[in-house]
Amino acid sequence: MSPTPPRKKTTARPPKAKEAEPALDAETEIHGPDLAPTVGANLRRLRMRRGLSLEKLSQACGVSRAMLGQIELGRSAPTINVLWKIARALDVTFSALITARVASGTTVLRATEARRLTSADGSFTSRALFPFDEPRRVEFYELELAPGGVERADPHPAGTGENLVVVEGEVAIELNGEETRLKTGDAILFEADSPHVYRNPGQTKARMYLVMTYADSVG
């Protein structure tokens, strides 16, 4: 994930034309309660933290000022592509825009209240298993892939690593022209700056936990 997801730079931001997309296709939708207000509040806070006007942010991300305004007011739930453009312009992780901010202390993430990223065909889902409170360089996700399902992920920025463990079913990971088959209990760690594919060759649902590590802290 991409989730996708919906990740980050080393020293200089890559050219706009080469932005990494979350491990989700362009038609991926976000499901969960009160998403628009959450995105709006996060967008306004992050924009103000950087001292950016709506006009300046619009120029940086290529999203119209009017749309940004509607998103901040919680009146519009943006698409994955729009959210990713905004995240890149603000230099934050994708999850920073969709996850509710919480106070320090104990946090319970109820499964019934989770925001899930779901692919267009419904075969792939991603759920963030962490709250957004402070800038972080490590993210934790639960992924599910239906039998025969395929999720294609574009390259993440240099320095991004994925550590994935299969807890149910089996998964094939395709990376740099090679395929690695993973069964229940197997884990894999790889650099995610190349195109990669998650595929379920089995007859049952596959469930995985993914730890995404970025090159440096963002926020």
N, C-alpha and C. Protein backbone atom coordinates (compact mmCIF):
# COMPACT_ATOMS: atom_id res chain seq x y z
N MET A 1 0.92 -0.68 0.00
CA MET A 1 0.00 0.00 0.00
C MET A 1 0.46 0.34 0.00
N SER A 2 -1.50 1.35 -2.38
CA SER A 2 -1.52 1.48 -2.34
C SER A 2 -2.02 2.26 -2.22
N PRO A 3 -2.99 0.52 0.51
CA PRO A 3 -3.10 1.14 0.43
C PRO A 3 -2.89 1.58 0.08
N THR A 4 -3.52 2.62 -0.67
CA THR A 4 -2.79 3.34 -0.83
C THR A 4 -2.98 4.54 -0.45
N PRO A 5 -3.43 3.88 -0.70
CA PRO A 5 -2.88 4.56 -0.41
C PRO A 5 -2.01 5.84 -0.92
N PRO A 6 -3.12 4.46 0.85
CA PRO A 6 -2.23 5.02 -0.12
C PRO A 6 -0.98 4.65 0.70
N ARG A 7 4.22 7.93 -0.35
CA ARG A 7 5.23 7.73 0.65
C ARG A 7 6.57 8.32 0.21
N LYS A 8 8.27 8.56 0.61
CA LYS A 8 8.72 9.92 0.89
C LYS A 8 10.10 10.20 0.35
N LYS A 9 10.57 11.36 0.52
CA LYS A 9 11.80 11.78 -0.13
C LYS A 9 13.06 11.47 0.66
N THR A 10 14.23 11.62 0.02
CA THR A 10 15.49 11.51 0.73
C THR A 10 16.01 12.91 1.00
N THR A 11 16.48 13.62 -0.04
CA THR A 11 16.95 14.98 0.15
C THR A 11 16.15 15.94 -0.73
N ALA A 12 16.02 15.64 -2.00
CA ALA A 12 15.29 16.52 -2.90
C ALA A 12 14.04 15.82 -3.39
N ARG A 13 12.95 16.55 -3.51
CA ARG A 13 11.70 15.96 -3.99
C ARG A 13 11.83 15.59 -5.46
N PRO A 14 11.38 14.40 -5.85
CA PRO A 14 11.46 14.00 -7.26
C PRO A 14 10.58 14.86 -8.12
N PRO A 15 10.87 14.95 -9.42
CA PRO A 15 10.06 15.78 -10.31
C PRO A 15 8.61 15.35 -10.26
N LYS A 16 7.71 16.31 -10.47
CA LYS A 16 6.29 16.04 -10.42
C LYS A 16 5.89 14.88 -11.32
N ALA A 17 6.50 14.78 -12.49
CA ALA A 17 6.11 13.75 -13.44
C ALA A 17 6.43 12.35 -12.94
N LYS A 18 7.29 12.25 -11.90
CA LYS A 18 7.70 10.95 -11.43
C LYS A 18 7.20 10.68 -10.02
N GLU A 19 6.15 11.39 -9.60
CA GLU A 19 5.61 11.17 -8.27
C GLU A 19 5.20 9.73 -8.09
N ALA A 20 5.51 9.16 -6.92
CA ALA A 20 5.07 7.81 -6.63
C ALA A 20 3.62 7.83 -6.20
N GLU A 21 2.86 6.89 -6.72
CA GLU A 21 1.46 6.77 -6.36
C GLU A 21 1.30 5.73 -5.26
N PRO A 22 0.26 5.84 -4.42
CA PRO A 22 0.01 4.82 -3.42
C PRO A 22 -0.30 3.49 -4.08
N ALA A 23 -0.20 2.41 -3.31
CA ALA A 23 -0.40 1.08 -3.88
C ALA A 23 -1.88 0.82 -4.13
N LEU A 24 -2.47 1.66 -4.95
CA LEU A 24 -3.89 1.61 -5.25
C LEU A 24 -4.09 2.18 -6.64
N ASP A 25 -5.10 1.68 -7.35
CA ASP A 25 -5.31 2.22 -8.68
C ASP A 25 -6.09 3.53 -8.64
N ALA A 26 -6.21 4.18 -9.79
CA ALA A 26 -6.77 5.53 -9.84
C ALA A 26 -8.22 5.58 -9.40
N GLU A 27 -8.93 4.44 -9.46
CA GLU A 27 -10.34 4.44 -9.12
C GLU A 27 -10.59 4.00 -7.68
N THR A 28 -9.52 3.83 -6.91
CA THR A 28 -9.69 3.40 -5.53
C THR A 28 -10.51 4.42 -4.75
N GLU A 29 -11.41 3.92 -3.92
CA GLU A 29 -12.25 4.78 -3.11
C GLU A 29 -11.90 4.60 -1.64
N ILE A 30 -12.28 5.59 -0.82
CA ILE A 30 -12.05 5.52 0.61
C ILE A 30 -13.39 5.32 1.29
N HIS A 31 -13.47 4.34 2.19
CA HIS A 31 -14.70 4.06 2.89
C HIS A 31 -14.49 4.28 4.38
N GLY A 32 -15.46 4.87 5.04
CA GLY A 32 -15.38 5.07 6.48
C GLY A 32 -16.21 6.26 6.89
N PRO A 33 -16.55 6.37 8.17
CA PRO A 33 -17.40 7.45 8.64
C PRO A 33 -16.68 8.79 8.67
N ASP A 34 -17.43 9.84 8.31
CA ASP A 34 -16.93 11.21 8.46
C ASP A 34 -15.58 11.46 7.81
N LEU A 35 -15.38 10.92 6.62
CA LEU A 35 -14.09 11.09 5.96
C LEU A 35 -13.86 12.53 5.54
N ALA A 36 -14.84 13.15 4.90
CA ALA A 36 -14.66 14.51 4.38
C ALA A 36 -14.25 15.50 5.47
N PRO A 37 -14.92 15.52 6.64
CA PRO A 37 -14.49 16.44 7.69
C PRO A 37 -13.08 16.16 8.18
N THR A 38 -12.70 14.89 8.27
CA THR A 38 -11.35 14.54 8.71
C THR A 38 -10.31 15.05 7.74
N VAL A 39 -10.53 14.80 6.44
CA VAL A 39 -9.59 15.28 5.43
C VAL A 39 -9.52 16.80 5.45
N GLY A 40 -10.68 17.43 5.56
CA GLY A 40 -10.71 18.90 5.57
C GLY A 40 -9.92 19.49 6.72
N ALA A 41 -10.11 18.92 7.92
CA ALA A 41 -9.40 19.43 9.10
C ALA A 41 -7.90 19.20 8.98
N ASN A 42 -7.52 18.02 8.49
CA ASN A 42 -6.09 17.73 8.32
C ASN A 42 -5.46 18.65 7.28
N LEU A 43 -6.18 18.86 6.17
CA LEU A 43 -5.64 19.71 5.11
C LEU A 43 -5.42 21.14 5.61
N ARG A 44 -6.40 21.68 6.28
CA ARG A 44 -6.28 23.06 6.77
C ARG A 44 -5.13 23.18 7.77
N ARG A 45 -5.01 22.22 8.70
CA ARG A 45 -3.96 22.28 9.71
C ARG A 45 -2.58 22.19 9.07
N LEU A 46 -2.41 21.24 8.14
CA LEU A 46 -1.11 21.06 7.50
C LEU A 46 -0.75 22.24 6.60
N ARG A 47 -1.76 22.78 5.93
CA ARG A 47 -1.51 23.95 5.06
C ARG A 47 -1.09 25.16 5.89
N MET A 48 -1.81 25.40 6.99
CA MET A 48 -1.49 26.54 7.85
C MET A 48 -0.13 26.37 8.51
N ARG A 49 0.21 25.13 8.87
CA ARG A 49 1.51 24.87 9.49
C ARG A 49 2.64 25.29 8.56
N ARG A 50 2.42 25.15 7.26
CA ARG A 50 3.44 25.51 6.28
C ARG A 50 3.32 26.94 5.78
N GLY A 51 2.36 27.66 6.28
CA GLY A 51 2.19 29.06 5.90
C GLY A 51 1.77 29.25 4.46
N LEU A 52 1.00 28.31 3.94
CA LEU A 52 0.57 28.37 2.55
C LEU A 52 -0.86 28.87 2.43
N SER A 53 -1.08 29.76 1.49
CA SER A 53 -2.45 30.16 1.17
C SER A 53 -3.06 29.08 0.28
N LEU A 54 -4.37 29.12 0.11
CA LEU A 54 -5.01 28.17 -0.80
C LEU A 54 -4.46 28.33 -2.22
N GLU A 55 -4.19 29.56 -2.60
CA GLU A 55 -3.67 29.82 -3.94
C GLU A 55 -2.28 29.21 -4.12
N LYS A 56 -1.41 29.38 -3.12
CA LYS A 56 -0.06 28.82 -3.20
C LYS A 56 -0.10 27.29 -3.24
N LEU A 57 -0.97 26.70 -2.42
CA LEU A 57 -1.07 25.25 -2.42
C LEU A 57 -1.63 24.76 -3.75
N SER A 58 -2.57 25.50 -4.29
CA SER A 58 -3.15 25.14 -5.58
C SER A 58 -2.08 25.10 -6.66
N GLN A 59 -1.20 26.09 -6.66
CA GLN A 59 -0.12 26.14 -7.64
C GLN A 59 0.85 24.98 -7.45
N ALA A 60 1.06 24.59 -6.19
CA ALA A 60 2.03 23.54 -5.90
C ALA A 60 1.52 22.14 -6.24
N CYS A 61 0.21 21.93 -6.08
CA CYS A 61 -0.30 20.57 -6.26
C CYS A 61 -1.11 20.37 -7.53
N GLY A 62 -1.49 21.48 -8.20
CA GLY A 62 -2.25 21.35 -9.43
C GLY A 62 -3.73 21.09 -9.22
N VAL A 63 -4.21 21.27 -8.00
CA VAL A 63 -5.64 21.16 -7.69
C VAL A 63 -6.20 22.57 -7.57
N SER A 64 -7.37 22.80 -8.13
CA SER A 64 -7.91 24.15 -8.16
C SER A 64 -8.13 24.71 -6.75
N ARG A 65 -8.02 26.03 -6.63
CA ARG A 65 -8.24 26.69 -5.34
C ARG A 65 -9.65 26.42 -4.84
N ALA A 66 -10.61 26.44 -5.75
CA ALA A 66 -12.01 26.21 -5.37
C ALA A 66 -12.19 24.82 -4.78
N MET A 67 -11.57 23.81 -5.40
CA MET A 67 -11.70 22.45 -4.89
C MET A 67 -11.03 22.31 -3.54
N LEU A 68 -9.85 22.91 -3.38
CA LEU A 68 -9.17 22.86 -2.09
C LEU A 68 -10.03 23.49 -1.00
N GLY A 69 -10.68 24.59 -1.34
CA GLY A 69 -11.56 25.24 -0.38
C GLY A 69 -12.71 24.35 0.03
N GLN A 70 -13.31 23.67 -0.93
CA GLN A 70 -14.42 22.77 -0.64
C GLN A 70 -13.97 21.59 0.22
N ILE A 71 -12.76 21.10 -0.05
CA ILE A 71 -12.22 19.99 0.74
C ILE A 71 -12.00 20.43 2.18
N GLU A 72 -11.40 21.61 2.37
CA GLU A 72 -11.14 22.10 3.72
C GLU A 72 -12.43 22.30 4.51
N LEU A 73 -13.50 22.67 3.84
CA LEU A 73 -14.78 22.88 4.51
C LEU A 73 -15.52 21.57 4.77
N GLY A 74 -14.95 20.47 4.30
CA GLY A 74 -15.58 19.18 4.51
C GLY A 74 -16.77 18.94 3.61
N ARG A 75 -16.86 19.70 2.53
CA ARG A 75 -18.00 19.58 1.63
C ARG A 75 -17.72 18.69 0.43
N SER A 76 -16.46 18.24 0.31
CA SER A 76 -16.09 17.41 -0.83
C SER A 76 -15.12 16.33 -0.38
N ALA A 77 -15.40 15.07 -0.76
CA ALA A 77 -14.48 13.96 -0.49
C ALA A 77 -13.65 13.75 -1.74
N PRO A 78 -12.38 14.13 -1.73
CA PRO A 78 -11.54 14.05 -2.93
C PRO A 78 -11.21 12.63 -3.33
N THR A 79 -10.83 12.46 -4.59
CA THR A 79 -10.40 11.16 -5.08
C THR A 79 -9.00 10.85 -4.56
N ILE A 80 -8.59 9.60 -4.74
CA ILE A 80 -7.25 9.19 -4.34
C ILE A 80 -6.19 10.03 -5.05
N ASN A 81 -6.37 10.25 -6.35
CA ASN A 81 -5.38 11.01 -7.10
C ASN A 81 -5.23 12.43 -6.57
N VAL A 82 -6.35 13.07 -6.26
CA VAL A 82 -6.31 14.43 -5.74
C VAL A 82 -5.62 14.45 -4.37
N LEU A 83 -5.98 13.50 -3.52
CA LEU A 83 -5.34 13.44 -2.19
C LEU A 83 -3.84 13.24 -2.31
N TRP A 84 -3.42 12.40 -3.26
CA TRP A 84 -1.99 12.15 -3.40
C TRP A 84 -1.26 13.40 -3.89
N LYS A 85 -1.85 14.14 -4.80
CA LYS A 85 -1.23 15.39 -5.26
C LYS A 85 -1.05 16.36 -4.10
N ILE A 86 -2.07 16.44 -3.24
CA ILE A 86 -1.99 17.34 -2.10
C ILE A 86 -0.92 16.88 -1.11
N ALA A 87 -0.88 15.57 -0.85
CA ALA A 87 0.10 15.03 0.09
C ALA A 87 1.52 15.31 -0.38
N ARG A 88 1.76 15.13 -1.68
CA ARG A 88 3.10 15.38 -2.21
C ARG A 88 3.46 16.86 -2.10
N ALA A 89 2.50 17.73 -2.37
CA ALA A 89 2.78 19.16 -2.30
C ALA A 89 3.07 19.60 -0.87
N LEU A 90 2.39 18.99 0.09
CA LEU A 90 2.60 19.32 1.51
C LEU A 90 3.76 18.54 2.12
N ASP A 91 4.28 17.56 1.37
CA ASP A 91 5.37 16.72 1.84
C ASP A 91 4.98 15.96 3.10
N VAL A 92 3.83 15.30 3.03
CA VAL A 92 3.37 14.45 4.13
C VAL A 92 3.00 13.08 3.58
N THR A 93 2.86 12.12 4.45
CA THR A 93 2.41 10.80 4.03
C THR A 93 0.94 10.87 3.65
N PHE A 94 0.53 9.94 2.81
CA PHE A 94 -0.86 9.90 2.37
C PHE A 94 -1.82 9.76 3.55
N SER A 95 -1.43 8.93 4.52
CA SER A 95 -2.30 8.69 5.68
C SER A 95 -2.48 9.93 6.54
N ALA A 96 -1.55 10.90 6.44
CA ALA A 96 -1.67 12.11 7.24
C ALA A 96 -2.93 12.89 6.89
N LEU A 97 -3.44 12.68 5.69
CA LEU A 97 -4.64 13.41 5.27
C LEU A 97 -5.93 12.68 5.61
N ILE A 98 -5.90 11.37 5.77
CA ILE A 98 -7.15 10.63 5.92
C ILE A 98 -7.38 10.08 7.32
N THR A 99 -6.39 10.22 8.21
CA THR A 99 -6.51 9.64 9.54
C THR A 99 -6.77 10.73 10.56
N ALA A 100 -7.71 10.46 11.46
CA ALA A 100 -8.07 11.46 12.47
C ALA A 100 -6.92 11.68 13.44
N ARG A 101 -6.68 12.94 13.78
CA ARG A 101 -5.65 13.29 14.75
C ARG A 101 -6.17 12.99 16.15
N VAL A 102 -5.30 12.43 16.98
CA VAL A 102 -5.71 12.09 18.34
C VAL A 102 -4.71 12.64 19.34
N ALA A 103 -5.15 12.74 20.59
CA ALA A 103 -4.26 13.20 21.65
C ALA A 103 -3.33 12.06 22.05
N SER A 104 -2.25 12.40 22.79
CA SER A 104 -1.32 11.39 23.23
C SER A 104 -1.98 10.49 24.26
N GLY A 105 -1.41 9.31 24.48
CA GLY A 105 -1.99 8.38 25.42
C GLY A 105 -2.48 7.13 24.70
N THR A 106 -3.32 6.38 25.37
CA THR A 106 -3.83 5.14 24.79
C THR A 106 -4.83 5.44 23.69
N THR A 107 -4.69 4.74 22.57
CA THR A 107 -5.60 4.92 21.44
C THR A 107 -6.15 3.56 21.02
N VAL A 108 -7.44 3.48 20.88
CA VAL A 108 -8.08 2.26 20.39
C VAL A 108 -8.61 2.52 18.99
N LEU A 109 -8.24 1.68 18.04
CA LEU A 109 -8.68 1.82 16.66
C LEU A 109 -9.73 0.74 16.39
N ARG A 110 -10.99 1.11 16.49
CA ARG A 110 -12.07 0.15 16.32
C ARG A 110 -12.19 -0.29 14.86
N ALA A 111 -12.30 -1.59 14.65
CA ALA A 111 -12.44 -2.11 13.30
C ALA A 111 -13.70 -1.57 12.63
N THR A 112 -14.75 -1.37 13.42
CA THR A 112 -16.02 -0.89 12.87
C THR A 112 -15.96 0.57 12.43
N GLU A 113 -14.94 1.29 12.88
CA GLU A 113 -14.81 2.70 12.53
C GLU A 113 -13.65 2.95 11.57
N ALA A 114 -13.07 1.87 11.06
CA ALA A 114 -11.87 2.00 10.23
C ALA A 114 -12.20 2.60 8.87
N ARG A 115 -11.26 3.37 8.35
CA ARG A 115 -11.35 3.88 6.99
C ARG A 115 -10.53 2.94 6.11
N ARG A 116 -11.17 2.33 5.15
CA ARG A 116 -10.51 1.35 4.31
C ARG A 116 -10.39 1.88 2.88
N LEU A 117 -9.22 1.68 2.29
CA LEU A 117 -9.01 1.97 0.89
C LEU A 117 -9.33 0.70 0.11
N THR A 118 -10.21 0.81 -0.86
CA THR A 118 -10.68 -0.36 -1.59
C THR A 118 -10.49 -0.17 -3.09
N SER A 119 -9.92 -1.17 -3.76
CA SER A 119 -9.69 -1.07 -5.19
C SER A 119 -11.01 -1.07 -5.94
N ALA A 120 -10.96 -0.65 -7.19
CA ALA A 120 -12.17 -0.50 -8.00
C ALA A 120 -12.97 -1.79 -8.12
N ASP A 121 -12.27 -2.93 -8.23
CA ASP A 121 -12.98 -4.20 -8.37
C ASP A 121 -13.31 -4.85 -7.03
N GLY A 122 -12.93 -4.18 -5.94
CA GLY A 122 -13.26 -4.68 -4.61
C GLY A 122 -12.39 -5.81 -4.11
N SER A 123 -11.35 -6.20 -4.87
CA SER A 123 -10.54 -7.36 -4.49
C SER A 123 -9.46 -7.02 -3.46
N PHE A 124 -9.10 -5.74 -3.34
CA PHE A 124 -8.01 -5.34 -2.47
C PHE A 124 -8.47 -4.27 -1.49
N THR A 125 -8.15 -4.45 -0.20
CA THR A 125 -8.45 -3.43 0.80
C THR A 125 -7.22 -3.18 1.67
N SER A 126 -7.11 -1.95 2.13
CA SER A 126 -6.00 -1.55 2.98
C SER A 126 -6.55 -0.75 4.15
N ARG A 127 -6.10 -1.07 5.38
CA ARG A 127 -6.55 -0.35 6.57
C ARG A 127 -5.34 0.10 7.37
N ALA A 128 -5.26 1.40 7.67
CA ALA A 128 -4.18 1.92 8.50
C ALA A 128 -4.39 1.47 9.94
N LEU A 129 -3.35 0.96 10.58
CA LEU A 129 -3.42 0.48 11.95
C LEU A 129 -2.70 1.43 12.90
N PHE A 130 -2.74 2.69 12.60
CA PHE A 130 -2.10 3.70 13.43
C PHE A 130 -2.86 5.01 13.29
N PRO A 131 -2.84 5.86 14.31
CA PRO A 131 -3.45 7.18 14.20
C PRO A 131 -2.43 8.17 13.70
N PHE A 132 -2.91 9.27 13.15
CA PHE A 132 -1.98 10.34 12.78
C PHE A 132 -1.94 11.33 13.93
N ASP A 133 -0.79 11.42 14.59
CA ASP A 133 -0.65 12.39 15.66
C ASP A 133 0.57 13.27 15.43
N GLU A 134 1.71 12.66 15.20
CA GLU A 134 2.94 13.39 14.91
C GLU A 134 3.56 12.82 13.64
N PRO A 135 4.46 13.60 12.99
CA PRO A 135 5.14 13.08 11.81
C PRO A 135 5.81 11.74 12.13
N ARG A 136 5.70 10.77 11.21
CA ARG A 136 6.28 9.46 11.45
C ARG A 136 6.92 8.95 10.18
N ARG A 137 7.91 8.10 10.34
CA ARG A 137 8.58 7.50 9.18
C ARG A 137 8.23 6.03 9.04
N VAL A 138 7.39 5.51 9.93
CA VAL A 138 6.96 4.12 9.85
C VAL A 138 5.44 4.06 9.94
N GLU A 139 4.81 3.30 9.04
CA GLU A 139 3.37 3.14 9.04
C GLU A 139 3.02 1.65 9.02
N PHE A 140 1.86 1.31 9.58
CA PHE A 140 1.47 -0.09 9.78
C PHE A 140 0.08 -0.29 9.17
N TYR A 141 -0.05 -1.27 8.28
CA TYR A 141 -1.31 -1.49 7.57
C TYR A 141 -1.74 -2.94 7.62
N GLU A 142 -3.04 -3.15 7.52
CA GLU A 142 -3.62 -4.48 7.29
C GLU A 142 -4.12 -4.51 5.85
N LEU A 143 -3.71 -5.52 5.10
CA LEU A 143 -4.10 -5.66 3.70
C LEU A 143 -4.87 -6.95 3.50
N GLU A 144 -5.87 -6.91 2.63
CA GLU A 144 -6.61 -8.11 2.26
C GLU A 144 -6.72 -8.18 0.74
N LEU A 145 -6.55 -9.40 0.22
CA LEU A 145 -6.58 -9.60 -1.22
C LEU A 145 -7.43 -10.84 -1.52
N ALA A 146 -8.46 -10.65 -2.34
CA ALA A 146 -9.39 -11.73 -2.66
C ALA A 146 -8.72 -12.78 -3.53
N PRO A 147 -9.25 -14.01 -3.57
CA PRO A 147 -8.70 -15.06 -4.43
C PRO A 147 -8.61 -14.57 -5.88
N GLY A 148 -7.45 -14.74 -6.49
CA GLY A 148 -7.26 -14.29 -7.87
C GLY A 148 -7.03 -12.80 -8.00
N GLY A 149 -7.08 -12.06 -6.88
CA GLY A 149 -6.92 -10.61 -6.92
C GLY A 149 -5.50 -10.19 -7.22
N VAL A 150 -5.36 -9.05 -7.89
CA VAL A 150 -4.05 -8.50 -8.23
C VAL A 150 -4.03 -7.02 -7.90
N GLU A 151 -3.01 -6.56 -7.20
CA GLU A 151 -2.84 -5.14 -6.88
C GLU A 151 -1.47 -4.70 -7.37
N ARG A 152 -1.45 -3.75 -8.29
CA ARG A 152 -0.20 -3.26 -8.88
C ARG A 152 0.18 -1.94 -8.24
N ALA A 153 1.40 -1.86 -7.73
CA ALA A 153 1.87 -0.67 -7.04
C ALA A 153 2.97 0.01 -7.86
N ASP A 154 2.83 1.31 -8.03
CA ASP A 154 3.87 2.09 -8.69
C ASP A 154 5.05 2.27 -7.74
N PRO A 155 6.21 2.67 -8.24
CA PRO A 155 7.37 2.84 -7.35
C PRO A 155 7.12 3.89 -6.28
N HIS A 156 7.55 3.61 -5.07
CA HIS A 156 7.54 4.60 -4.01
C HIS A 156 8.86 5.37 -4.08
N PRO A 157 8.96 6.52 -3.42
CA PRO A 157 10.20 7.28 -3.46
C PRO A 157 11.39 6.48 -2.94
N ALA A 158 12.57 6.85 -3.39
CA ALA A 158 13.79 6.15 -2.99
C ALA A 158 13.90 6.12 -1.47
N GLY A 159 14.33 4.98 -0.95
CA GLY A 159 14.49 4.84 0.48
C GLY A 159 13.29 4.24 1.18
N THR A 160 12.20 4.00 0.45
CA THR A 160 11.00 3.41 1.05
C THR A 160 11.14 1.89 1.09
N GLY A 161 10.88 1.31 2.25
CA GLY A 161 10.95 -0.14 2.40
C GLY A 161 9.60 -0.71 2.80
N GLU A 162 9.34 -1.94 2.37
CA GLU A 162 8.13 -2.64 2.77
C GLU A 162 8.52 -3.95 3.46
N ASN A 163 7.94 -4.18 4.62
CA ASN A 163 8.14 -5.42 5.37
C ASN A 163 6.76 -6.03 5.55
N LEU A 164 6.49 -7.13 4.87
CA LEU A 164 5.16 -7.71 4.81
C LEU A 164 5.16 -9.13 5.32
N VAL A 165 4.15 -9.48 6.14
CA VAL A 165 3.99 -10.85 6.63
C VAL A 165 2.59 -11.33 6.28
N VAL A 166 2.50 -12.55 5.80
CA VAL A 166 1.22 -13.15 5.43
C VAL A 166 0.66 -13.89 6.64
N VAL A 167 -0.54 -13.54 7.06
CA VAL A 167 -1.13 -14.18 8.24
C VAL A 167 -2.30 -15.09 7.87
N GLU A 168 -2.72 -15.02 6.61
CA GLU A 168 -3.80 -15.89 6.16
C GLU A 168 -3.69 -16.06 4.65
N GLY A 169 -3.78 -17.29 4.15
CA GLY A 169 -3.72 -17.53 2.71
C GLY A 169 -2.31 -17.50 2.17
N GLU A 170 -2.18 -17.19 0.89
CA GLU A 170 -0.88 -17.10 0.25
C GLU A 170 -0.85 -15.92 -0.71
N VAL A 171 0.35 -15.40 -0.94
CA VAL A 171 0.54 -14.21 -1.77
C VAL A 171 1.78 -14.38 -2.62
N ALA A 172 1.73 -13.89 -3.84
CA ALA A 172 2.91 -13.83 -4.70
C ALA A 172 3.30 -12.37 -4.87
N ILE A 173 4.55 -12.06 -4.61
CA ILE A 173 5.07 -10.70 -4.77
C ILE A 173 5.97 -10.68 -6.00
N GLU A 174 5.63 -9.83 -6.96
CA GLU A 174 6.44 -9.68 -8.16
C GLU A 174 7.24 -8.38 -8.06
N LEU A 175 8.56 -8.48 -8.19
CA LEU A 175 9.44 -7.33 -8.05
C LEU A 175 10.63 -7.50 -8.97
N ASN A 176 10.87 -6.51 -9.82
CA ASN A 176 12.01 -6.54 -10.75
C ASN A 176 12.04 -7.80 -11.59
N GLY A 177 10.88 -8.22 -12.05
CA GLY A 177 10.80 -9.37 -12.94
C GLY A 177 10.86 -10.72 -12.25
N GLU A 178 10.94 -10.73 -10.92
CA GLU A 178 11.00 -11.98 -10.19
C GLU A 178 9.78 -12.13 -9.29
N GLU A 179 9.32 -13.36 -9.12
CA GLU A 179 8.16 -13.63 -8.28
C GLU A 179 8.57 -14.44 -7.07
N THR A 180 8.08 -14.01 -5.90
CA THR A 180 8.32 -14.73 -4.66
C THR A 180 6.98 -15.17 -4.08
N ARG A 181 6.81 -16.46 -3.85
CA ARG A 181 5.58 -17.00 -3.28
C ARG A 181 5.71 -17.03 -1.76
N LEU A 182 4.69 -16.53 -1.09
CA LEU A 182 4.66 -16.49 0.36
C LEU A 182 3.43 -17.23 0.86
N LYS A 183 3.61 -18.12 1.84
CA LYS A 183 2.50 -18.81 2.46
C LYS A 183 2.27 -18.24 3.86
N THR A 184 1.22 -18.70 4.52
CA THR A 184 0.90 -18.22 5.85
C THR A 184 2.11 -18.32 6.78
N GLY A 185 2.45 -17.21 7.41
CA GLY A 185 3.60 -17.16 8.30
C GLY A 185 4.87 -16.66 7.66
N ASP A 186 4.93 -16.64 6.33
CA ASP A 186 6.11 -16.15 5.62
C ASP A 186 6.12 -14.62 5.62
N ALA A 187 7.32 -14.06 5.59
CA ALA A 187 7.49 -12.61 5.56
C ALA A 187 8.51 -12.25 4.49
N ILE A 188 8.44 -10.99 4.05
CA ILE A 188 9.37 -10.51 3.04
C ILE A 188 9.69 -9.04 3.33
N LEU A 189 10.90 -8.66 3.07
CA LEU A 189 11.35 -7.28 3.21
C LEU A 189 12.00 -6.87 1.91
N PHE A 190 11.55 -5.74 1.33
CA PHE A 190 12.13 -5.31 0.06
C PHE A 190 12.08 -3.80 -0.09
N GLU A 191 12.97 -3.30 -0.95
CA GLU A 191 12.97 -1.87 -1.29
C GLU A 191 11.84 -1.64 -2.29
N ALA A 192 11.00 -0.66 -1.99
CA ALA A 192 9.77 -0.48 -2.76
C ALA A 192 9.85 0.67 -3.76
N ASP A 193 11.08 0.97 -4.23
CA ASP A 193 11.23 2.06 -5.20
C ASP A 193 11.17 1.57 -6.64
N SER A 194 10.70 0.34 -6.83
CA SER A 194 10.45 -0.21 -8.16
C SER A 194 9.00 -0.68 -8.24
N PRO A 195 8.43 -0.76 -9.43
CA PRO A 195 7.05 -1.28 -9.54
C PRO A 195 6.97 -2.67 -8.92
N HIS A 196 5.90 -2.93 -8.19
CA HIS A 196 5.73 -4.24 -7.59
C HIS A 196 4.26 -4.63 -7.60
N VAL A 197 4.03 -5.93 -7.52
CA VAL A 197 2.68 -6.46 -7.66
C VAL A 197 2.39 -7.44 -6.54
N TYR A 198 1.20 -7.31 -5.95
CA TYR A 198 0.71 -8.29 -4.99
C TYR A 198 -0.33 -9.13 -5.71
N ARG A 199 -0.20 -10.46 -5.66
CA ARG A 199 -1.16 -11.33 -6.33
C ARG A 199 -1.53 -12.50 -5.42
N ASN A 200 -2.82 -12.81 -5.42
CA ASN A 200 -3.30 -13.95 -4.63
C ASN A 200 -3.56 -15.12 -5.56
N PRO A 201 -2.67 -16.13 -5.59
CA PRO A 201 -2.85 -17.27 -6.48
C PRO A 201 -3.72 -18.37 -5.87
N GLY A 202 -4.15 -18.16 -4.64
CA GLY A 202 -4.88 -19.21 -3.94
C GLY A 202 -6.38 -19.15 -4.15
N GLN A 203 -7.08 -20.03 -3.42
CA GLN A 203 -8.53 -20.14 -3.53
C GLN A 203 -9.24 -19.47 -2.36
N THR A 204 -8.48 -18.90 -1.42
CA THR A 204 -9.07 -18.23 -0.27
C THR A 204 -8.49 -16.82 -0.15
N LYS A 205 -9.14 -16.00 0.64
CA LYS A 205 -8.68 -14.63 0.86
C LYS A 205 -7.30 -14.63 1.52
N ALA A 206 -6.46 -13.70 1.10
CA ALA A 206 -5.15 -13.52 1.72
C ALA A 206 -5.21 -12.29 2.61
N ARG A 207 -4.63 -12.41 3.81
CA ARG A 207 -4.56 -11.26 4.71
C ARG A 207 -3.11 -11.06 5.11
N MET A 208 -2.66 -9.81 5.07
CA MET A 208 -1.26 -9.47 5.33
C MET A 208 -1.17 -8.28 6.26
N TYR A 209 -0.03 -8.16 6.94
CA TYR A 209 0.29 -6.95 7.68
C TYR A 209 1.54 -6.36 7.05
N LEU A 210 1.49 -5.06 6.81
CA LEU A 210 2.57 -4.37 6.11
C LEU A 210 3.11 -3.23 6.96
N VAL A 211 4.42 -3.21 7.13
CA VAL A 211 5.11 -2.09 7.76
C VAL A 211 5.82 -1.32 6.66
N MET A 212 5.43 -0.06 6.48
CA MET A 212 6.03 0.80 5.46
C MET A 212 7.00 1.76 6.14
N THR A 213 8.25 1.76 5.68
CA THR A 213 9.28 2.61 6.27
C THR A 213 9.76 3.61 5.24
N TYR A 214 9.71 4.90 5.59
CA TYR A 214 10.16 5.96 4.69
C TYR A 214 11.60 6.36 4.98
N ALA A 215 12.21 7.04 4.04
CA ALA A 215 13.63 7.38 4.15
C ALA A 215 13.90 8.31 5.31
N ASP A 216 13.01 9.26 5.55
CA ASP A 216 13.19 10.18 6.68
C ASP A 216 11.83 10.61 7.17
N SER A 217 11.80 11.28 8.31
CA SER A 217 10.54 11.70 8.91
C SER A 217 9.90 12.77 8.05
N VAL A 218 8.57 12.79 8.05
CA VAL A 218 7.82 13.76 7.28
C VAL A 218 6.75 14.34 8.19
N GLY A 219 6.16 15.47 7.78
CA GLY A 219 5.08 15.99 8.60
C GLY A 219 4.68 17.35 8.27
